[in-house]
Structure formats: C-alpha cells, structure tokens
PDB file of N, CA and C in Angstrom:
ATOM      1  N   UNK A   1     -12.097 -19.884 -25.277  1.00  0.00           N
ATOM      2  CA  UNK A   1     -13.330 -20.022 -24.531  1.00  0.00           C
ATOM      3  C   UNK A   1     -13.279 -19.182 -23.251  1.00  0.00           C
ATOM      4  N   UNK A   2     -14.420 -18.618 -22.930  1.00  0.00           N
ATOM      5  CA  UNK A   2     -14.529 -17.795 -21.729  1.00  0.00           C
ATOM      6  C   UNK A   2     -14.870 -18.656 -20.519  1.00  0.00           C
ATOM      7  N   UNK A   3     -14.461 -18.177 -19.363  1.00  0.00           N
ATOM      8  CA  UNK A   3     -14.835 -18.764 -18.074  1.00  0.00           C
ATOM      9  C   UNK A   3     -15.275 -17.606 -17.190  1.00  0.00           C
ATOM     10  N   UNK A   4     -15.777 -17.924 -16.020  1.00  0.00           N
ATOM     11  CA  UNK A   4     -16.168 -16.858 -15.105  1.00  0.00           C
ATOM     12  C   UNK A   4     -14.986 -15.952 -14.782  1.00  0.00           C
ATOM     13  N   UNK A   5     -13.804 -16.537 -14.672  1.00  0.00           N
ATOM     14  CA  UNK A   5     -12.606 -15.757 -14.335  1.00  0.00           C
ATOM     15  C   UNK A   5     -12.140 -14.868 -15.481  1.00  0.00           C
ATOM     16  N   UNK A   6     -12.280 -15.330 -16.715  1.00  0.00           N
ATOM     17  CA  UNK A   6     -11.736 -14.576 -17.854  1.00  0.00           C
ATOM     18  C   UNK A   6     -12.758 -13.682 -18.551  1.00  0.00           C
ATOM     19  N   UNK A   7     -14.034 -13.976 -18.374  1.00  0.00           N
ATOM     20  CA  UNK A   7     -15.080 -13.271 -19.111  1.00  0.00           C
ATOM     21  C   UNK A   7     -14.987 -11.744 -19.028  1.00  0.00           C
ATOM     22  N   UNK A   8     -14.913 -11.149 -17.832  1.00  0.00           N
ATOM     23  CA  UNK A   8     -14.922  -9.677 -17.762  1.00  0.00           C
ATOM     24  C   UNK A   8     -13.814  -9.031 -18.595  1.00  0.00           C
ATOM     25  N   UNK A   9     -12.614  -9.559 -18.522  1.00  0.00           N
ATOM     26  CA  UNK A   9     -11.516  -8.938 -19.268  1.00  0.00           C
ATOM     27  C   UNK A   9     -11.650  -9.165 -20.768  1.00  0.00           C
ATOM     28  N   UNK A  10     -12.322 -10.233 -21.171  1.00  0.00           N
ATOM     29  CA  UNK A  10     -12.480 -10.528 -22.597  1.00  0.00           C
ATOM     30  C   UNK A  10     -13.537  -9.667 -23.274  1.00  0.00           C
ATOM     31  N   UNK A  11     -14.476  -9.120 -22.514  1.00  0.00           N
ATOM     32  CA  UNK A  11     -15.530  -8.299 -23.121  1.00  0.00           C
ATOM     33  C   UNK A  11     -15.384  -6.809 -22.809  1.00  0.00           C
ATOM     34  N   UNK A  12     -14.397  -6.441 -21.983  1.00  0.00           N
ATOM     35  CA  UNK A  12     -14.339  -5.056 -21.505  1.00  0.00           C
ATOM     36  C   UNK A  12     -13.997  -4.039 -22.580  1.00  0.00           C
ATOM     37  N   UNK A  13     -13.350  -4.447 -23.655  1.00  0.00           N
ATOM     38  CA  UNK A  13     -12.999  -3.493 -24.716  1.00  0.00           C
ATOM     39  C   UNK A  13     -13.382  -4.044 -26.075  1.00  0.00           C
ATOM     40  N   UNK A  14     -13.897  -3.163 -26.913  1.00  0.00           N
ATOM     41  CA  UNK A  14     -14.186  -3.537 -28.284  1.00  0.00           C
ATOM     42  C   UNK A  14     -15.536  -4.182 -28.472  1.00  0.00           C
ATOM     43  N   UNK A  15     -15.734  -4.687 -29.694  1.00  0.00           N
ATOM     44  CA  UNK A  15     -16.983  -5.325 -30.096  1.00  0.00           C
ATOM     45  C   UNK A  15     -16.821  -6.834 -29.986  1.00  0.00           C
ATOM     46  N   UNK A  16     -17.718  -7.453 -29.215  1.00  0.00           N
ATOM     47  CA  UNK A  16     -17.612  -8.882 -28.939  1.00  0.00           C
ATOM     48  C   UNK A  16     -18.934  -9.558 -29.258  1.00  0.00           C
ATOM     49  N   UNK A  17     -18.845 -10.718 -29.904  1.00  0.00           N
ATOM     50  CA  UNK A  17     -19.994 -11.599 -30.079  1.00  0.00           C
ATOM     51  C   UNK A  17     -19.770 -12.796 -29.178  1.00  0.00           C
ATOM     52  N   UNK A  18     -20.619 -12.955 -28.179  1.00  0.00           N
ATOM     53  CA  UNK A  18     -20.542 -14.076 -27.252  1.00  0.00           C
ATOM     54  C   UNK A  18     -21.455 -15.184 -27.759  1.00  0.00           C
ATOM     55  N   UNK A  19     -20.888 -16.347 -28.011  1.00  0.00           N
ATOM     56  CA  UNK A  19     -21.619 -17.536 -28.451  1.00  0.00           C
ATOM     57  C   UNK A  19     -21.761 -18.444 -27.240  1.00  0.00           C
ATOM     58  N   UNK A  20     -22.978 -18.518 -26.687  1.00  0.00           N
ATOM     59  CA  UNK A  20     -23.240 -19.374 -25.533  1.00  0.00           C
ATOM     60  C   UNK A  20     -23.803 -20.681 -26.082  1.00  0.00           C
ATOM     61  N   UNK A  21     -23.068 -21.763 -25.854  1.00  0.00           N
ATOM     62  CA  UNK A  21     -23.400 -23.032 -26.483  1.00  0.00           C
ATOM     63  C   UNK A  21     -23.284 -24.174 -25.486  1.00  0.00           C
ATOM     64  N   UNK A  22     -23.744 -25.337 -25.904  1.00  0.00           N
ATOM     65  CA  UNK A  22     -23.595 -26.550 -25.099  1.00  0.00           C
ATOM     66  C   UNK A  22     -23.314 -27.724 -26.008  1.00  0.00           C
ATOM     67  N   UNK A  23     -22.519 -28.677 -25.550  1.00  0.00           N
ATOM     68  CA  UNK A  23     -22.160 -29.816 -26.393  1.00  0.00           C
ATOM     69  C   UNK A  23     -23.345 -30.713 -26.753  1.00  0.00           C
ATOM     70  N   UNK A  24     -24.431 -30.648 -26.003  1.00  0.00           N
ATOM     71  CA  UNK A  24     -25.626 -31.447 -26.307  1.00  0.00           C
ATOM     72  C   UNK A  24     -26.669 -30.642 -27.082  1.00  0.00           C
ATOM     73  N   UNK A  25     -26.345 -29.417 -27.447  1.00  0.00           N
ATOM     74  CA  UNK A  25     -27.278 -28.528 -28.150  1.00  0.00           C
ATOM     75  C   UNK A  25     -27.031 -28.635 -29.662  1.00  0.00           C
ATOM     76  N   UNK A  26     -27.882 -29.379 -30.343  1.00  0.00           N
ATOM     77  CA  UNK A  26     -27.707 -29.589 -31.784  1.00  0.00           C
ATOM     78  C   UNK A  26     -27.719 -28.272 -32.576  1.00  0.00           C
ATOM     79  N   UNK A  27     -28.647 -27.338 -32.302  1.00  0.00           N
ATOM     80  CA  UNK A  27     -28.600 -26.077 -33.042  1.00  0.00           C
ATOM     81  C   UNK A  27     -27.301 -25.295 -32.796  1.00  0.00           C
ATOM     82  N   UNK A  28     -26.774 -25.380 -31.573  1.00  0.00           N
ATOM     83  CA  UNK A  28     -25.514 -24.696 -31.264  1.00  0.00           C
ATOM     84  C   UNK A  28     -24.392 -25.226 -32.144  1.00  0.00           C
ATOM     85  N   UNK A  29     -24.292 -26.546 -32.199  1.00  0.00           N
ATOM     86  CA  UNK A  29     -23.239 -27.188 -32.974  1.00  0.00           C
ATOM     87  C   UNK A  29     -23.437 -26.913 -34.458  1.00  0.00           C
ATOM     88  N   UNK A  30     -24.677 -26.939 -34.922  1.00  0.00           N
ATOM     89  CA  UNK A  30     -24.961 -26.700 -36.340  1.00  0.00           C
ATOM     90  C   UNK A  30     -24.591 -25.281 -36.762  1.00  0.00           C
ATOM     91  N   UNK A  31     -24.816 -24.296 -35.885  1.00  0.00           N
ATOM     92  CA  UNK A  31     -24.534 -22.892 -36.224  1.00  0.00           C
ATOM     93  C   UNK A  31     -23.065 -22.515 -36.041  1.00  0.00           C
ATOM     94  N   UNK A  32     -22.322 -23.293 -35.270  1.00  0.00           N
ATOM     95  CA  UNK A  32     -20.953 -22.919 -34.914  1.00  0.00           C
ATOM     96  C   UNK A  32     -20.058 -22.601 -36.121  1.00  0.00           C
ATOM     97  N   UNK A  33     -20.002 -23.426 -37.173  1.00  0.00           N
ATOM     98  CA  UNK A  33     -19.132 -23.082 -38.310  1.00  0.00           C
ATOM     99  C   UNK A  33     -19.528 -21.768 -38.987  1.00  0.00           C
ATOM    100  N   UNK A  34     -20.819 -21.514 -39.099  1.00  0.00           N
ATOM    101  CA  UNK A  34     -21.276 -20.271 -39.725  1.00  0.00           C
ATOM    102  C   UNK A  34     -20.934 -19.064 -38.866  1.00  0.00           C
ATOM    103  N   UNK A  35     -21.040 -19.207 -37.556  1.00  0.00           N
ATOM    104  CA  UNK A  35     -20.696 -18.111 -36.649  1.00  0.00           C
ATOM    105  C   UNK A  35     -19.196 -17.844 -36.702  1.00  0.00           C
ATOM    106  N   UNK A  36     -18.398 -18.896 -36.754  1.00  0.00           N
ATOM    107  CA  UNK A  36     -16.950 -18.723 -36.887  1.00  0.00           C
ATOM    108  C   UNK A  36     -16.606 -18.037 -38.205  1.00  0.00           C
ATOM    109  N   UNK A  37     -17.346 -18.354 -39.262  1.00  0.00           N
ATOM    110  CA  UNK A  37     -17.129 -17.697 -40.556  1.00  0.00           C
ATOM    111  C   UNK A  37     -17.465 -16.207 -40.477  1.00  0.00           C
ATOM    112  N   UNK A  38     -18.465 -15.838 -39.665  1.00  0.00           N
ATOM    113  CA  UNK A  38     -18.805 -14.423 -39.491  1.00  0.00           C
ATOM    114  C   UNK A  38     -17.651 -13.673 -38.845  1.00  0.00           C
ATOM    115  N   UNK A  39     -16.991 -14.292 -37.881  1.00  0.00           N
ATOM    116  CA  UNK A  39     -15.846 -13.631 -37.254  1.00  0.00           C
ATOM    117  C   UNK A  39     -14.780 -13.341 -38.306  1.00  0.00           C
ATOM    118  N   UNK A  40     -14.533 -14.290 -39.178  1.00  0.00           N
ATOM    119  CA  UNK A  40     -13.543 -14.092 -40.252  1.00  0.00           C
ATOM    120  C   UNK A  40     -14.011 -13.014 -41.228  1.00  0.00           C
ATOM    121  N   UNK A  41     -15.296 -13.040 -41.560  1.00  0.00           N
ATOM    122  CA  UNK A  41     -15.855 -12.068 -42.509  1.00  0.00           C
ATOM    123  C   UNK A  41     -15.656 -10.630 -42.020  1.00  0.00           C
ATOM    124  N   UNK A  42     -15.813 -10.419 -40.729  1.00  0.00           N
ATOM    125  CA  UNK A  42     -15.708  -9.066 -40.182  1.00  0.00           C
ATOM    126  C   UNK A  42     -14.299  -8.721 -39.712  1.00  0.00           C
ATOM    127  N   UNK A  43     -13.355  -9.592 -40.030  1.00  0.00           N
ATOM    128  CA  UNK A  43     -11.959  -9.301 -39.723  1.00  0.00           C
ATOM    129  C   UNK A  43     -11.762  -8.946 -38.271  1.00  0.00           C
ATOM    130  N   UNK A  44     -10.993  -7.928 -38.010  1.00  0.00           N
ATOM    131  CA  UNK A  44     -10.706  -7.515 -36.646  1.00  0.00           C
ATOM    132  C   UNK A  44     -11.769  -6.623 -36.040  1.00  0.00           C
ATOM    133  N   UNK A  45     -12.909  -6.477 -36.695  1.00  0.00           N
ATOM    134  CA  UNK A  45     -13.938  -5.564 -36.185  1.00  0.00           C
ATOM    135  C   UNK A  45     -14.775  -6.170 -35.067  1.00  0.00           C
ATOM    136  N   UNK A  46     -14.802  -7.504 -34.979  1.00  0.00           N
ATOM    137  CA  UNK A  46     -15.474  -8.173 -33.864  1.00  0.00           C
ATOM    138  C   UNK A  46     -14.580  -9.300 -33.353  1.00  0.00           C
ATOM    139  N   UNK A  47     -14.794  -9.630 -32.098  1.00  0.00           N
ATOM    140  CA  UNK A  47     -14.116 -10.775 -31.499  1.00  0.00           C
ATOM    141  C   UNK A  47     -15.181 -11.792 -31.139  1.00  0.00           C
ATOM    142  N   UNK A  48     -14.986 -13.040 -31.563  1.00  0.00           N
ATOM    143  CA  UNK A  48     -15.900 -14.113 -31.204  1.00  0.00           C
ATOM    144  C   UNK A  48     -15.401 -14.751 -29.918  1.00  0.00           C
ATOM    145  N   UNK A  49     -16.280 -14.840 -28.961  1.00  0.00           N
ATOM    146  CA  UNK A  49     -15.966 -15.427 -27.662  1.00  0.00           C
ATOM    147  C   UNK A  49     -16.974 -16.543 -27.418  1.00  0.00           C
ATOM    148  N   UNK A  50     -16.495 -17.731 -27.088  1.00  0.00           N
ATOM    149  CA  UNK A  50     -17.380 -18.868 -26.854  1.00  0.00           C
ATOM    150  C   UNK A  50     -17.479 -19.158 -25.364  1.00  0.00           C
ATOM    151  N   UNK A  51     -18.689 -19.503 -24.947  1.00  0.00           N
ATOM    152  CA  UNK A  51     -18.947 -19.838 -23.549  1.00  0.00           C
ATOM    153  C   UNK A  51     -19.689 -21.167 -23.500  1.00  0.00           C
ATOM    154  N   UNK A  52     -19.036 -22.190 -22.967  1.00  0.00           N
ATOM    155  CA  UNK A  52     -19.642 -23.497 -22.805  1.00  0.00           C
ATOM    156  C   UNK A  52     -20.581 -23.407 -21.596  1.00  0.00           C
ATOM    157  N   UNK A  53     -21.874 -23.423 -21.864  1.00  0.00           N
ATOM    158  CA  UNK A  53     -22.868 -23.201 -20.800  1.00  0.00           C
ATOM    159  C   UNK A  53     -22.809 -24.242 -19.684  1.00  0.00           C
ATOM    160  N   UNK A  54     -22.771 -25.544 -19.977  1.00  0.00           N
ATOM    161  CA  UNK A  54     -22.741 -26.509 -18.879  1.00  0.00           C
ATOM    162  C   UNK A  54     -21.518 -26.370 -17.973  1.00  0.00           C
ATOM    163  N   UNK A  55     -20.412 -25.918 -18.518  1.00  0.00           N
ATOM    164  CA  UNK A  55     -19.198 -25.742 -17.711  1.00  0.00           C
ATOM    165  C   UNK A  55     -19.179 -24.411 -16.965  1.00  0.00           C
ATOM    166  N   UNK A  56     -20.105 -23.512 -17.286  1.00  0.00           N
ATOM    167  CA  UNK A  56     -20.123 -22.168 -16.699  1.00  0.00           C
ATOM    168  C   UNK A  56     -21.540 -21.766 -16.302  1.00  0.00           C
ATOM    169  N   UNK A  57     -22.198 -22.630 -15.564  1.00  0.00           N
ATOM    170  CA  UNK A  57     -23.605 -22.392 -15.202  1.00  0.00           C
ATOM    171  C   UNK A  57     -23.810 -21.095 -14.412  1.00  0.00           C
ATOM    172  N   UNK A  58     -22.938 -20.827 -13.457  1.00  0.00           N
ATOM    173  CA  UNK A  58     -23.094 -19.613 -12.644  1.00  0.00           C
ATOM    174  C   UNK A  58     -22.982 -18.363 -13.521  1.00  0.00           C
ATOM    175  N   UNK A  59     -22.034 -18.346 -14.420  1.00  0.00           N
ATOM    176  CA  UNK A  59     -21.879 -17.197 -15.310  1.00  0.00           C
ATOM    177  C   UNK A  59     -23.114 -17.046 -16.199  1.00  0.00           C
ATOM    178  N   UNK A  60     -23.643 -18.147 -16.697  1.00  0.00           N
ATOM    179  CA  UNK A  60     -24.865 -18.083 -17.501  1.00  0.00           C
ATOM    180  C   UNK A  60     -26.030 -17.511 -16.692  1.00  0.00           C
ATOM    181  N   UNK A  61     -26.149 -17.913 -15.423  1.00  0.00           N
ATOM    182  CA  UNK A  61     -27.203 -17.337 -14.558  1.00  0.00           C
ATOM    183  C   UNK A  61     -26.978 -15.848 -14.389  1.00  0.00           C
ATOM    184  N   UNK A  62     -25.728 -15.458 -14.120  1.00  0.00           N
ATOM    185  CA  UNK A  62     -25.418 -14.037 -13.925  1.00  0.00           C
ATOM    186  C   UNK A  62     -25.729 -13.213 -15.169  1.00  0.00           C
ATOM    187  N   UNK A  63     -25.540 -13.807 -16.337  1.00  0.00           N
ATOM    188  CA  UNK A  63     -25.817 -13.111 -17.603  1.00  0.00           C
ATOM    189  C   UNK A  63     -27.279 -13.262 -18.028  1.00  0.00           C
ATOM    190  N   UNK A  64     -28.058 -13.986 -17.249  1.00  0.00           N
ATOM    191  CA  UNK A  64     -29.469 -14.225 -17.532  1.00  0.00           C
ATOM    192  C   UNK A  64     -29.682 -14.936 -18.882  1.00  0.00           C
ATOM    193  N   UNK A  65     -28.863 -15.952 -19.115  1.00  0.00           N
ATOM    194  CA  UNK A  65     -29.025 -16.782 -20.304  1.00  0.00           C
ATOM    195  C   UNK A  65     -30.048 -17.853 -19.947  1.00  0.00           C
ATOM    196  N   UNK A  66     -31.185 -17.858 -20.654  1.00  0.00           N
ATOM    197  CA  UNK A  66     -32.277 -18.757 -20.300  1.00  0.00           C
ATOM    198  C   UNK A  66     -32.345 -19.993 -21.189  1.00  0.00           C
ATOM    199  N   UNK A  67     -31.749 -19.942 -22.370  1.00  0.00           N
ATOM    200  CA  UNK A  67     -31.821 -21.080 -23.275  1.00  0.00           C
ATOM    201  C   UNK A  67     -30.704 -21.026 -24.291  1.00  0.00           C
ATOM    202  N   UNK A  68     -30.508 -22.149 -24.946  1.00  0.00           N
ATOM    203  CA  UNK A  68     -29.454 -22.251 -25.952  1.00  0.00           C
ATOM    204  C   UNK A  68     -30.071 -22.544 -27.314  1.00  0.00           C
ATOM    205  N   UNK A  69     -29.413 -22.099 -28.367  1.00  0.00           N
ATOM    206  CA  UNK A  69     -28.226 -21.245 -28.360  1.00  0.00           C
ATOM    207  C   UNK A  69     -28.580 -19.809 -28.015  1.00  0.00           C
ATOM    208  N   UNK A  70     -27.578 -19.090 -27.569  1.00  0.00           N
ATOM    209  CA  UNK A  70     -27.740 -17.660 -27.286  1.00  0.00           C
ATOM    210  C   UNK A  70     -26.499 -16.934 -27.792  1.00  0.00           C
ATOM    211  N   UNK A  71     -26.724 -15.811 -28.411  1.00  0.00           N
ATOM    212  CA  UNK A  71     -25.639 -14.972 -28.935  1.00  0.00           C
ATOM    213  C   UNK A  71     -25.858 -13.576 -28.385  1.00  0.00           C
ATOM    214  N   UNK A  72     -24.833 -13.030 -27.766  1.00  0.00           N
ATOM    215  CA  UNK A  72     -24.953 -11.721 -27.127  1.00  0.00           C
ATOM    216  C   UNK A  72     -23.839 -10.835 -27.668  1.00  0.00           C
ATOM    217  N   UNK A  73     -24.211  -9.632 -28.135  1.00  0.00           N
ATOM    218  CA  UNK A  73     -23.192  -8.680 -28.570  1.00  0.00           C
ATOM    219  C   UNK A  73     -22.901  -7.709 -27.436  1.00  0.00           C
ATOM    220  N   UNK A  74     -21.625  -7.371 -27.312  1.00  0.00           N
ATOM    221  CA  UNK A  74     -21.159  -6.426 -26.297  1.00  0.00           C
ATOM    222  C   UNK A  74     -20.308  -5.362 -26.958  1.00  0.00           C
ATOM    223  N   UNK A  75     -20.423  -4.147 -26.463  1.00  0.00           N
ATOM    224  CA  UNK A  75     -19.519  -3.063 -26.854  1.00  0.00           C
ATOM    225  C   UNK A  75     -18.909  -2.531 -25.564  1.00  0.00           C
ATOM    226  N   UNK A  76     -17.608  -2.624 -25.470  1.00  0.00           N
ATOM    227  CA  UNK A  76     -16.871  -2.121 -24.310  1.00  0.00           C
ATOM    228  C   UNK A  76     -17.498  -2.562 -22.992  1.00  0.00           C
ATOM    229  N   UNK A  77     -17.836  -3.847 -22.909  1.00  0.00           N
ATOM    230  CA  UNK A  77     -18.325  -4.423 -21.667  1.00  0.00           C
ATOM    231  C   UNK A  77     -19.799  -4.249 -21.380  1.00  0.00           C
ATOM    232  N   UNK A  78     -20.548  -3.646 -22.300  1.00  0.00           N
ATOM    233  CA  UNK A  78     -21.977  -3.432 -22.092  1.00  0.00           C
ATOM    234  C   UNK A  78     -22.750  -4.199 -23.167  1.00  0.00           C
ATOM    235  N   UNK A  79     -23.749  -4.946 -22.731  1.00  0.00           N
ATOM    236  CA  UNK A  79     -24.561  -5.711 -23.671  1.00  0.00           C
ATOM    237  C   UNK A  79     -25.318  -4.771 -24.603  1.00  0.00           C
ATOM    238  N   UNK A  80     -25.289  -5.112 -25.890  1.00  0.00           N
ATOM    239  CA  UNK A  80     -26.020  -4.338 -26.888  1.00  0.00           C
ATOM    240  C   UNK A  80     -27.279  -5.083 -27.325  1.00  0.00           C
ATOM    241  N   UNK A  81     -27.153  -6.385 -27.593  1.00  0.00           N
ATOM    242  CA  UNK A  81     -28.300  -7.121 -28.132  1.00  0.00           C
ATOM    243  C   UNK A  81     -28.121  -8.616 -27.894  1.00  0.00           C
ATOM    244  N   UNK A  82     -29.258  -9.333 -27.893  1.00  0.00           N
ATOM    245  CA  UNK A  82     -29.258 -10.787 -27.789  1.00  0.00           C
ATOM    246  C   UNK A  82     -30.012 -11.398 -28.953  1.00  0.00           C
ATOM    247  N   UNK A  83     -29.491 -12.505 -29.423  1.00  0.00           N
ATOM    248  CA  UNK A  83     -30.207 -13.350 -30.374  1.00  0.00           C
ATOM    249  C   UNK A  83     -30.349 -14.683 -29.654  1.00  0.00           C
ATOM    250  N   UNK A  84     -31.593 -15.066 -29.368  1.00  0.00           N
ATOM    251  CA  UNK A  84     -31.822 -16.256 -28.555  1.00  0.00           C
ATOM    252  C   UNK A  84     -32.348 -17.410 -29.387  1.00  0.00           C
ATOM    253  N   UNK A  85     -32.536 -18.507 -28.720  1.00  0.00           N
ATOM    254  CA  UNK A  85     -32.879 -19.757 -29.382  1.00  0.00           C
ATOM    255  C   UNK A  85     -34.039 -19.633 -30.371  1.00  0.00           C
ATOM    256  N   UNK A  86     -35.026 -18.849 -30.052  1.00  0.00           N
ATOM    257  CA  UNK A  86     -36.174 -18.743 -30.956  1.00  0.00           C
ATOM    258  C   UNK A  86     -35.839 -17.970 -32.238  1.00  0.00           C
ATOM    259  N   UNK A  87     -34.817 -17.135 -32.203  1.00  0.00           N
ATOM    260  CA  UNK A  87     -34.448 -16.345 -33.374  1.00  0.00           C
ATOM    261  C   UNK A  87     -33.030 -16.648 -33.847  1.00  0.00           C
ATOM    262  N   UNK A  88     -32.441 -17.710 -33.368  1.00  0.00           N
ATOM    263  CA  UNK A  88     -31.050 -17.990 -33.688  1.00  0.00           C
ATOM    264  C   UNK A  88     -30.921 -18.533 -35.110  1.00  0.00           C
ATOM    265  N   UNK A  89     -30.461 -17.680 -35.989  1.00  0.00           N
ATOM    266  CA  UNK A  89     -30.124 -18.062 -37.357  1.00  0.00           C
ATOM    267  C   UNK A  89     -28.928 -17.220 -37.744  1.00  0.00           C
ATOM    268  N   UNK A  90     -28.216 -17.667 -38.746  1.00  0.00           N
ATOM    269  CA  UNK A  90     -27.042 -16.917 -39.188  1.00  0.00           C
ATOM    270  C   UNK A  90     -27.450 -15.506 -39.599  1.00  0.00           C
ATOM    271  N   UNK A  91     -28.582 -15.373 -40.276  1.00  0.00           N
ATOM    272  CA  UNK A  91     -29.035 -14.046 -40.714  1.00  0.00           C
ATOM    273  C   UNK A  91     -29.303 -13.129 -39.523  1.00  0.00           C
ATOM    274  N   UNK A  92     -29.962 -13.649 -38.487  1.00  0.00           N
ATOM    275  CA  UNK A  92     -30.247 -12.823 -37.306  1.00  0.00           C
ATOM    276  C   UNK A  92     -28.963 -12.463 -36.558  1.00  0.00           C
ATOM    277  N   UNK A  93     -28.034 -13.404 -36.488  1.00  0.00           N
ATOM    278  CA  UNK A  93     -26.766 -13.133 -35.806  1.00  0.00           C
ATOM    279  C   UNK A  93     -25.983 -12.077 -36.576  1.00  0.00           C
ATOM    280  N   UNK A  94     -25.930 -12.216 -37.898  1.00  0.00           N
ATOM    281  CA  UNK A  94     -25.199 -11.229 -38.703  1.00  0.00           C
ATOM    282  C   UNK A  94     -25.860  -9.853 -38.612  1.00  0.00           C
ATOM    283  N   UNK A  95     -27.180  -9.803 -38.577  1.00  0.00           N
ATOM    284  CA  UNK A  95     -27.873  -8.526 -38.430  1.00  0.00           C
ATOM    285  C   UNK A  95     -27.524  -7.877 -37.091  1.00  0.00           C
ATOM    286  N   UNK A  96     -27.412  -8.674 -36.042  1.00  0.00           N
ATOM    287  CA  UNK A  96     -27.025  -8.138 -34.729  1.00  0.00           C
ATOM    288  C   UNK A  96     -25.600  -7.590 -34.773  1.00  0.00           C
ATOM    289  N   UNK A  97     -24.712  -8.282 -35.471  1.00  0.00           N
ATOM    290  CA  UNK A  97     -23.337  -7.793 -35.635  1.00  0.00           C
ATOM    291  C   UNK A  97     -23.333  -6.466 -36.384  1.00  0.00           C
ATOM    292  N   UNK A  98     -24.116  -6.386 -37.447  1.00  0.00           N
ATOM    293  CA  UNK A  98     -24.198  -5.145 -38.230  1.00  0.00           C
ATOM    294  C   UNK A  98     -24.702  -3.993 -37.363  1.00  0.00           C
ATOM    295  N   UNK A  99     -25.708  -4.259 -36.530  1.00  0.00           N
ATOM    296  CA  UNK A  99     -26.228  -3.200 -35.650  1.00  0.00           C
ATOM    297  C   UNK A  99     -25.172  -2.809 -34.621  1.00  0.00           C
ATOM    298  N   UNK A 100     -24.449  -3.784 -34.086  1.00  0.00           N
ATOM    299  CA  UNK A 100     -23.376  -3.498 -33.139  1.00  0.00           C
ATOM    300  C   UNK A 100     -22.331  -2.594 -33.774  1.00  0.00           C
ATOM    301  N   UNK A 101     -21.875  -2.967 -34.961  1.00  0.00           N
ATOM    302  CA  UNK A 101     -20.841  -2.192 -35.647  1.00  0.00           C
ATOM    303  C   UNK A 101     -21.369  -0.846 -36.126  1.00  0.00           C
ATOM    304  N   UNK A 102     -22.678  -0.767 -36.339  1.00  0.00           N
ATOM    305  CA  UNK A 102     -23.300   0.479 -36.780  1.00  0.00           C
ATOM    306  C   UNK A 102     -23.566   1.458 -35.654  1.00  0.00           C
ATOM    307  N   UNK A 103     -23.235   1.064 -34.420  1.00  0.00           N
ATOM    308  CA  UNK A 103     -23.394   1.976 -33.297  1.00  0.00           C
ATOM    309  C   UNK A 103     -24.707   1.873 -32.568  1.00  0.00           C
ATOM    310  N   UNK A 104     -25.397   0.742 -32.691  1.00  0.00           N
ATOM    311  CA  UNK A 104     -26.672   0.572 -31.977  1.00  0.00           C
ATOM    312  C   UNK A 104     -26.483   0.860 -30.498  1.00  0.00           C
ATOM    313  N   UNK A 105     -27.454   1.524 -29.882  1.00  0.00           N
ATOM    314  CA  UNK A 105     -27.327   1.819 -28.449  1.00  0.00           C
ATOM    315  C   UNK A 105     -27.403   0.545 -27.619  1.00  0.00           C
ATOM    316  N   UNK A 106     -26.749   0.573 -26.483  1.00  0.00           N
ATOM    317  CA  UNK A 106     -26.774  -0.564 -25.571  1.00  0.00           C
ATOM    318  C   UNK A 106     -28.179  -0.750 -25.031  1.00  0.00           C
ATOM    319  N   UNK A 107     -28.646  -1.990 -25.035  1.00  0.00           N
ATOM    320  CA  UNK A 107     -29.969  -2.316 -24.506  1.00  0.00           C
ATOM    321  C   UNK A 107     -29.853  -3.038 -23.179  1.00  0.00           C
ATOM    322  N   UNK A 108     -28.698  -3.573 -22.928  1.00  0.00           N
ATOM    323  CA  UNK A 108     -28.519  -4.377 -21.728  1.00  0.00           C
ATOM    324  C   UNK A 108     -27.778  -3.634 -20.647  1.00  0.00           C
ATOM    325  N   UNK A 109     -27.406  -4.386 -19.685  1.00  0.00           N
ATOM    326  CA  UNK A 109     -26.693  -3.852 -18.531  1.00  0.00           C
ATOM    327  C   UNK A 109     -25.202  -4.120 -18.685  1.00  0.00           C
ATOM    328  N   UNK A 110     -24.391  -3.356 -17.990  1.00  0.00           N
ATOM    329  CA  UNK A 110     -22.957  -3.676 -17.988  1.00  0.00           C
ATOM    330  C   UNK A 110     -22.739  -5.057 -17.370  1.00  0.00           C
ATOM    331  N   UNK A 111     -21.568  -5.598 -17.596  1.00  0.00           N
ATOM    332  CA  UNK A 111     -21.205  -6.868 -16.976  1.00  0.00           C
ATOM    333  C   UNK A 111     -21.415  -6.707 -15.462  1.00  0.00           C
ATOM    334  N   UNK A 112     -22.101  -7.677 -14.838  1.00  0.00           N
ATOM    335  CA  UNK A 112     -22.348  -7.555 -13.392  1.00  0.00           C
ATOM    336  C   UNK A 112     -21.073  -7.255 -12.615  1.00  0.00           C
ATOM    337  N   UNK A 113     -21.192  -6.343 -11.651  1.00  0.00           N
ATOM    338  CA  UNK A 113     -20.049  -5.863 -10.912  1.00  0.00           C
ATOM    339  C   UNK A 113     -19.244  -6.967 -10.252  1.00  0.00           C
ATOM    340  N   UNK A 114     -19.918  -7.967  -9.715  1.00  0.00           N
ATOM    341  CA  UNK A 114     -19.181  -9.035  -9.022  1.00  0.00           C
ATOM    342  C   UNK A 114     -18.337  -9.860  -9.988  1.00  0.00           C
ATOM    343  N   UNK A 115     -18.545  -9.714 -11.303  1.00  0.00           N
ATOM    344  CA  UNK A 115     -17.722 -10.411 -12.278  1.00  0.00           C
ATOM    345  C   UNK A 115     -16.535  -9.572 -12.716  1.00  0.00           C
ATOM    346  N   UNK A 116     -16.540  -8.300 -12.386  1.00  0.00           N
ATOM    347  CA  UNK A 116     -15.469  -7.409 -12.843  1.00  0.00           C
ATOM    348  C   UNK A 116     -14.247  -7.503 -11.973  1.00  0.00           C
TER     349      UNK A 116
END
C-alpha cells in the first residue's frame, strides 16, 4: 500500500496502476479481486499500487481524487489516464492498462513536486 511518504518512489519508474479505494466503498471492495487478477494477467508489465483513501486524504487531494473507486495509470511518474467511479468496471480498467502499455500519451500532470 502507498502512503504520502512512499507514493513518489513507487510510481517514478515503469507502468503503474493505482487503485484508490476505501474500506467503506462497496464497489472498491467488489472490484479488488478482479483488479488484482489483472496485475497477475499482465505479469511484470504493470505494478498494482493500492492507496487507502481515508488513511491518505491529503495525498488524495493532491492527486485530485474526487470519488471512489478511482484507478489511475502512471508511466514513469506521469499520469496517463483515470478510470473513475462512473466508469469503474473491470473492462474499463483493463482497457486503460492496454492503452498504457500501448504507449498512450500522458494526459495528466507529473506527480506534484512537493510529493517528490
């Protein structure tokens, strides 16, 4: 699991899928096994990183996470895409992973400087 202290180093290299979840979020809990299976399916090509939102509120604000569940793909520390609560399904998450691995251009901002 990521924290504010560990997050920057965990996303700075490679392809990362960030799973932002909460223990009271039923859709988060329901999707968790399928998301973990996606990490296994893609072998070493992606790293799954989990972020407990209630325990890391400041980091969620810094990342502009507005609702749960949220899944964010990163390539070498730069956000590529988000799958948010309104579109959170295994199919949408897997499609985001495919676009990440396919070289989709970054749409987001680098990890905020104060977190680096």
